[in-house]
C-alpha atoms as a PDB file:
ATOM      1  CA  MET A   1       6.848 -67.126 -90.626  1.00  0.00           C
ATOM      2  CA  GLN A   2       8.884 -69.711 -88.766  1.00  0.00           C
ATOM      3  CA  ARG A   3      10.811 -72.649 -90.199  1.00  0.00           C
ATOM      4  CA  TYR A   4      11.495 -75.735 -88.102  1.00  0.00           C
ATOM      5  CA  ASP A   5      13.828 -78.563 -89.055  1.00  0.00           C
ATOM      6  CA  LEU A   6      12.616 -81.795 -87.427  1.00  0.00           C
ATOM      7  CA  ARG A   7      14.674 -84.174 -89.558  1.00  0.00           C
ATOM      8  CA  HIS A   8      16.947 -85.097 -86.654  1.00  0.00           C
ATOM      9  CA  LEU A   9      13.914 -86.613 -84.863  1.00  0.00           C
ATOM     10  CA  HIS A  10      13.335 -89.129 -87.683  1.00  0.00           C
ATOM     11  CA  ASP A  11       9.955 -90.863 -87.048  1.00  0.00           C
ATOM     12  CA  ASP A  12       9.347 -89.210 -83.661  1.00  0.00           C
ATOM     13  CA  PHE A  13       8.616 -85.649 -84.726  1.00  0.00           C
ATOM     14  CA  TYR A  14       4.877 -85.369 -83.963  1.00  0.00           C
ATOM     15  CA  ASP A  15       5.132 -84.339 -80.296  1.00  0.00           C
ATOM     16  CA  ARG A  16       7.781 -81.740 -81.043  1.00  0.00           C
ATOM     17  CA  MET A  17       5.794 -80.376 -83.977  1.00  0.00           C
ATOM     18  CA  GLY A  18       2.763 -80.009 -81.693  1.00  0.00           C
ATOM     19  CA  GLU A  19       4.852 -78.207 -79.056  1.00  0.00           C
ATOM     20  CA  LEU A  20       6.246 -75.816 -81.653  1.00  0.00           C
ATOM     21  CA  ILE A  21       2.797 -75.037 -83.030  1.00  0.00           C
ATOM     22  CA  ASP A  22       1.458 -74.366 -79.534  1.00  0.00           C
ATOM     23  CA  SER A  23       4.366 -72.329 -78.194  1.00  0.00           C
ATOM     24  CA  GLY A  24       6.402 -71.197 -81.197  1.00  0.00           C
ATOM     25  CA  LEU A  25       3.740 -69.822 -83.525  1.00  0.00           C
ATOM     26  CA  LYS A  26       1.655 -66.730 -82.849  1.00  0.00           C
ATOM     27  CA  ALA A  27      -1.958 -66.363 -83.976  1.00  0.00           C
ATOM     28  CA  GLY A  28      -2.015 -65.788 -87.732  1.00  0.00           C
ATOM     29  CA  GLU A  29       1.583 -66.950 -88.179  1.00  0.00           C
ATOM     30  CA  VAL A  30       2.706 -69.590 -90.672  1.00  0.00           C
ATOM     31  CA  GLY A  31       5.069 -72.401 -89.775  1.00  0.00           C
ATOM     32  CA  ILE A  32       7.067 -74.580 -92.139  1.00  0.00           C
ATOM     33  CA  PHE A  33       8.024 -77.989 -90.766  1.00  0.00           C
ATOM     34  CA  LEU A  34      10.676 -80.109 -92.430  1.00  0.00           C
ATOM     35  CA  PHE A  35      10.815 -83.814 -91.596  1.00  0.00           C
ATOM     36  CA  GLU A  36      12.473 -86.929 -92.952  1.00  0.00           C
ATOM     37  CA  VAL A  37      10.349 -89.425 -94.836  1.00  0.00           C
ATOM     38  CA  GLY A  38      11.618 -92.869 -93.943  1.00  0.00           C
ATOM     39  CA  ASP A  39       8.154 -94.344 -94.158  1.00  0.00           C
ATOM     40  CA  PHE A  40       5.612 -92.643 -96.430  1.00  0.00           C
ATOM     41  CA  SER A  41       2.846 -93.237 -93.882  1.00  0.00           C
ATOM     42  CA  HIS A  42       4.226 -90.209 -92.008  1.00  0.00           C
ATOM     43  CA  ILE A  43       2.984 -87.935 -94.773  1.00  0.00           C
ATOM     44  CA  GLN A  44      -0.657 -88.862 -94.170  1.00  0.00           C
ATOM     45  CA  LYS A  45      -0.143 -89.066 -90.401  1.00  0.00           C
ATOM     46  CA  SER A  46       1.292 -85.543 -90.319  1.00  0.00           C
ATOM     47  CA  ALA A  47      -1.680 -84.201 -92.305  1.00  0.00           C
ATOM     48  CA  ASP A  48      -4.090 -86.007 -89.967  1.00  0.00           C
ATOM     49  CA  PHE A  49      -2.188 -84.685 -86.946  1.00  0.00           C
ATOM     50  CA  ILE A  50      -2.634 -81.095 -88.143  1.00  0.00           C
ATOM     51  CA  LYS A  51      -6.303 -81.592 -89.079  1.00  0.00           C
ATOM     52  CA  GLU A  52      -7.041 -82.886 -85.574  1.00  0.00           C
ATOM     53  CA  LYS A  53      -5.264 -79.965 -83.916  1.00  0.00           C
ATOM     54  CA  GLU A  54      -7.675 -77.172 -83.050  1.00  0.00           C
ATOM     55  CA  GLY A  55      -6.892 -73.707 -84.389  1.00  0.00           C
ATOM     56  CA  VAL A  56      -4.396 -74.871 -87.011  1.00  0.00           C
ATOM     57  CA  GLU A  57      -4.858 -75.071 -90.785  1.00  0.00           C
ATOM     58  CA  LEU A  58      -2.803 -77.267 -93.121  1.00  0.00           C
ATOM     59  CA  MET A  59      -1.874 -75.031 -96.025  1.00  0.00           C
ATOM     60  CA  ASN A  60       0.510 -77.227 -98.004  1.00  0.00           C
ATOM     61  CA  SER A  61       2.345 -80.533 -97.968  1.00  0.00           C
ATOM     62  CA  LEU A  62       5.090 -81.224-100.479  1.00  0.00           C
ATOM     63  CA  LYS A  63       8.198 -83.168-101.211  1.00  0.00           C
ATOM     64  CA  PHE A  64      11.328 -81.134-100.495  1.00  0.00           C
ATOM     65  CA  ASN A  65      13.911 -83.498-101.973  1.00  0.00           C
ATOM     66  CA  GLU A  66      14.468 -87.258-102.216  1.00  0.00           C
ATOM     67  CA  VAL A  67      14.179 -87.940 -98.470  1.00  0.00           C
ATOM     68  CA  ASP A  68      12.591 -84.851 -96.901  1.00  0.00           C
ATOM     69  CA  TRP A  69       9.062 -83.488 -96.748  1.00  0.00           C
ATOM     70  CA  THR A  70       7.645 -80.118 -95.741  1.00  0.00           C
ATOM     71  CA  ILE A  71       4.273 -79.170 -94.397  1.00  0.00           C
ATOM     72  CA  VAL A  72       3.080 -75.599 -94.084  1.00  0.00           C
ATOM     73  CA  VAL A  73       0.575 -74.737 -91.373  1.00  0.00           C
ATOM     74  CA  LYS A  74      -1.115 -71.556 -90.217  1.00  0.00           C
ATOM     75  CA  LYS A  75      -2.082 -71.005 -86.618  1.00  0.00           C
ATOM     76  CA  ASP A  76      -5.514 -69.404 -86.524  1.00  0.00           C
ATOM     77  CA  LYS A  77      -5.853 -68.878 -82.777  1.00  0.00           C
END
């Protein structure tokens, strides 16, 4: 399991999250991504981003605290 803090990227975390999934996670490994919620549309966009990514399953999405959100993904391939 890997944990990645993307809060410092604010609204521009999607590309980095994709890079980390592709290169940082091994097949069968789970990744936890923490990002800042400035605009709540990023919650749905992050779920859509993962659903569109081949070989990755969204396992969970939850509020971490007042301003941060986590999503948990599993890399299948």
